[in-house]
C-alpha atoms as a PDB file:
ATOM      1  CA  UNK A   1      90.308 131.783 203.366  1.00  0.00           C
ATOM      2  CA  UNK A   2      89.074 134.921 201.800  1.00  0.00           C
ATOM      3  CA  UNK A   3      92.395 135.364 200.178  1.00  0.00           C
ATOM      4  CA  UNK A   4      92.651 131.858 199.031  1.00  0.00           C
ATOM      5  CA  UNK A   5      89.349 132.087 197.318  1.00  0.00           C
ATOM      6  CA  UNK A   6      90.471 135.678 195.710  1.00  0.00           C
ATOM      7  CA  UNK A   7      93.032 134.227 193.904  1.00  0.00           C
ATOM      8  CA  UNK A   8      91.251 131.119 192.561  1.00  0.00           C
ATOM      9  CA  UNK A   9      88.620 133.183 191.461  1.00  0.00           C
ATOM     10  CA  UNK A  10      91.123 135.151 189.491  1.00  0.00           C
ATOM     11  CA  UNK A  11      92.844 132.048 188.040  1.00  0.00           C
ATOM     12  CA  UNK A  12      89.542 131.113 186.709  1.00  0.00           C
ATOM     13  CA  UNK A  13      89.119 134.409 185.278  1.00  0.00           C
ATOM     14  CA  UNK A  14      92.271 134.616 183.501  1.00  0.00           C
ATOM     15  CA  UNK A  15      91.606 130.734 182.096  1.00  0.00           C
ATOM     16  CA  UNK A  16      88.137 131.819 181.237  1.00  0.00           C
ATOM     17  CA  UNK A  17      89.463 134.812 178.913  1.00  0.00           C
ATOM     18  CA  UNK A  18      91.755 132.916 176.916  1.00  0.00           C
ATOM     19  CA  UNK A  19      89.747 130.241 175.982  1.00  0.00           C
ATOM     20  CA  UNK A  20      88.674 131.974 172.248  1.00  0.00           C
ATOM     21  CA  UNK A  21      92.082 132.174 171.392  1.00  0.00           C
ATOM     22  CA  UNK A  22      93.137 130.953 168.239  1.00  0.00           C
ATOM     23  CA  UNK A  23      97.086 130.456 166.769  1.00  0.00           C
ATOM     24  CA  UNK A  24      98.345 133.475 165.273  1.00  0.00           C
ATOM     25  CA  UNK A  25      99.148 133.364 161.354  1.00  0.00           C
ATOM     26  CA  UNK A  26     100.687 135.652 158.921  1.00  0.00           C
ATOM     27  CA  UNK A  27      99.153 138.008 156.782  1.00  0.00           C
ATOM     28  CA  UNK A  28      98.282 136.763 153.208  1.00  0.00           C
ATOM     29  CA  UNK A  29     100.893 135.795 150.624  1.00  0.00           C
ATOM     30  CA  UNK A  30     103.509 136.016 153.300  1.00  0.00           C
ATOM     31  CA  UNK A  31     105.307 133.131 152.308  1.00  0.00           C
ATOM     32  CA  UNK A  32     105.076 134.090 148.353  1.00  0.00           C
ATOM     33  CA  UNK A  33     106.833 136.992 149.584  1.00  0.00           C
ATOM     34  CA  UNK A  34     109.058 136.176 151.184  1.00  0.00           C
ATOM     35  CA  UNK A  35     110.112 133.398 148.816  1.00  0.00           C
ATOM     36  CA  UNK A  36     110.088 135.989 145.831  1.00  0.00           C
ATOM     37  CA  UNK A  37     112.702 138.194 147.868  1.00  0.00           C
ATOM     38  CA  UNK A  38     114.901 135.349 149.054  1.00  0.00           C
ATOM     39  CA  UNK A  39     115.113 134.780 145.482  1.00  0.00           C
ATOM     40  CA  UNK A  40     115.679 137.905 144.147  1.00  0.00           C
ATOM     41  CA  UNK A  41     118.712 137.846 141.996  1.00  0.00           C
ATOM     42  CA  UNK A  42     119.501 141.670 141.516  1.00  0.00           C
ATOM     43  CA  UNK A  43     119.666 143.956 144.576  1.00  0.00           C
ATOM     44  CA  UNK A  44     119.197 147.877 143.772  1.00  0.00           C
ATOM     45  CA  UNK A  45     121.369 150.393 145.004  1.00  0.00           C
ATOM     46  CA  UNK A  46     119.275 151.310 148.148  1.00  0.00           C
ATOM     47  CA  UNK A  47     119.967 147.363 149.453  1.00  0.00           C
ATOM     48  CA  UNK A  48     123.373 147.734 148.929  1.00  0.00           C
ATOM     49  CA  UNK A  49     123.569 151.097 150.241  1.00  0.00           C
ATOM     50  CA  UNK A  50     121.659 149.984 153.679  1.00  0.00           C
ATOM     51  CA  UNK A  51     124.011 147.113 154.162  1.00  0.00           C
ATOM     52  CA  UNK A  52     127.385 149.529 154.051  1.00  0.00           C
ATOM     53  CA  UNK A  53     125.573 151.925 156.261  1.00  0.00           C
ATOM     54  CA  UNK A  54     124.497 149.207 158.888  1.00  0.00           C
ATOM     55  CA  UNK A  55     128.147 147.925 159.455  1.00  0.00           C
ATOM     56  CA  UNK A  56     129.396 148.996 163.371  1.00  0.00           C
ATOM     57  CA  UNK A  57     132.445 150.488 161.397  1.00  0.00           C
ATOM     58  CA  UNK A  58     130.552 153.104 159.496  1.00  0.00           C
ATOM     59  CA  UNK A  59     127.595 153.592 161.655  1.00  0.00           C
ATOM     60  CA  UNK A  60     130.545 154.707 164.422  1.00  0.00           C
ATOM     61  CA  UNK A  61     132.042 156.700 162.055  1.00  0.00           C
ATOM     62  CA  UNK A  62     129.153 158.431 160.998  1.00  0.00           C
ATOM     63  CA  UNK A  63     128.253 159.519 164.140  1.00  0.00           C
ATOM     64  CA  UNK A  64     132.043 160.739 165.488  1.00  0.00           C
ATOM     65  CA  UNK A  65     131.809 162.679 162.733  1.00  0.00           C
ATOM     66  CA  UNK A  66     128.320 164.053 163.224  1.00  0.00           C
ATOM     67  CA  UNK A  67     129.554 164.840 166.714  1.00  0.00           C
ATOM     68  CA  UNK A  68     133.050 166.629 165.144  1.00  0.00           C
ATOM     69  CA  UNK A  69     131.299 168.794 162.988  1.00  0.00           C
ATOM     70  CA  UNK A  70     129.012 170.282 165.951  1.00  0.00           C
ATOM     71  CA  UNK A  71     131.796 170.364 168.143  1.00  0.00           C
ATOM     72  CA  UNK A  72     133.917 172.861 165.827  1.00  0.00           C
ATOM     73  CA  UNK A  73     130.402 174.953 165.024  1.00  0.00           C
ATOM     74  CA  UNK A  74     129.859 175.224 168.455  1.00  0.00           C
ATOM     75  CA  UNK A  75     133.316 176.320 169.369  1.00  0.00           C
ATOM     76  CA  UNK A  76     133.520 178.721 166.112  1.00  0.00           C
ATOM     77  CA  UNK A  77     130.680 180.007 167.371  1.00  0.00           C
ATOM     78  CA  UNK A  78     131.925 180.917 170.694  1.00  0.00           C
ATOM     79  CA  UNK A  79     134.905 182.371 169.224  1.00  0.00           C
ATOM     80  CA  UNK A  80     132.953 184.513 166.964  1.00  0.00           C
ATOM     81  CA  UNK A  81     131.139 185.917 169.849  1.00  0.00           C
ATOM     82  CA  UNK A  82     133.926 186.535 172.356  1.00  0.00           C
ATOM     83  CA  UNK A  83     135.274 188.784 169.377  1.00  0.00           C
ATOM     84  CA  UNK A  84     132.471 190.680 168.497  1.00  0.00           C
ATOM     85  CA  UNK A  85     132.364 191.287 172.873  1.00  0.00           C
ATOM     86  CA  UNK A  86     135.972 192.702 173.057  1.00  0.00           C
ATOM     87  CA  UNK A  87     135.257 194.813 169.762  1.00  0.00           C
ATOM     88  CA  UNK A  88     132.389 195.857 171.878  1.00  0.00           C
ATOM     89  CA  UNK A  89     134.767 196.546 174.938  1.00  0.00           C
ATOM     90  CA  UNK A  90     137.495 198.541 172.789  1.00  0.00           C
ATOM     91  CA  UNK A  91     134.879 200.992 170.906  1.00  0.00           C
ATOM     92  CA  UNK A  92     133.388 201.728 174.583  1.00  0.00           C
ATOM     93  CA  UNK A  93     136.749 201.923 175.946  1.00  0.00           C
ATOM     94  CA  UNK A  94     137.473 204.747 173.276  1.00  0.00           C
ATOM     95  CA  UNK A  95     134.155 206.259 173.672  1.00  0.00           C
ATOM     96  CA  UNK A  96     133.349 205.747 169.351  1.00  0.00           C
ATOM     97  CA  UNK A  97     130.267 207.285 168.368  1.00  0.00           C
ATOM     98  CA  UNK A  98     128.937 206.744 164.856  1.00  0.00           C
ATOM     99  CA  UNK A  99     126.598 209.399 163.825  1.00  0.00           C
ATOM    100  CA  UNK A 100     124.667 208.296 160.360  1.00  0.00           C
ATOM    101  CA  UNK A 101     123.085 210.509 157.137  1.00  0.00           C
ATOM    102  CA  UNK A 102     119.646 210.252 159.123  1.00  0.00           C
ATOM    103  CA  UNK A 103     120.690 211.604 161.984  1.00  0.00           C
ATOM    104  CA  UNK A 104     121.528 215.065 160.647  1.00  0.00           C
ATOM    105  CA  UNK A 105     119.052 215.304 158.304  1.00  0.00           C
ATOM    106  CA  UNK A 106     116.227 214.167 160.307  1.00  0.00           C
ATOM    107  CA  UNK A 107     116.567 217.161 163.073  1.00  0.00           C
ATOM    108  CA  UNK A 108     113.666 219.071 163.935  1.00  0.00           C
ATOM    109  CA  UNK A 109     114.233 223.068 163.604  1.00  0.00           C
ATOM    110  CA  UNK A 110     114.245 224.868 166.564  1.00  0.00           C
END
């Protein structure tokens, strides 16, 4: 019984909250702007570009191109890093030491 009263109170509160609602309408001058846009005879380059890029085939091609370029860049970076690692291994094997001019000039006298 108490549950039924609670539900009835909730329904009553909901019905009272929608008493002041009015019909939604468009913003001012919506219809005149819509009419002008529908009857505009010339399309600018941006409208045509958006229409072209919005085609599913073009959008899919662009996405695949971006994925391909990113994958290629990642793979080339990995090859570069592995080549540098191999070069470091070769220099470590042969104990190649590099001395710079500053090593000889900045020595302290004994």
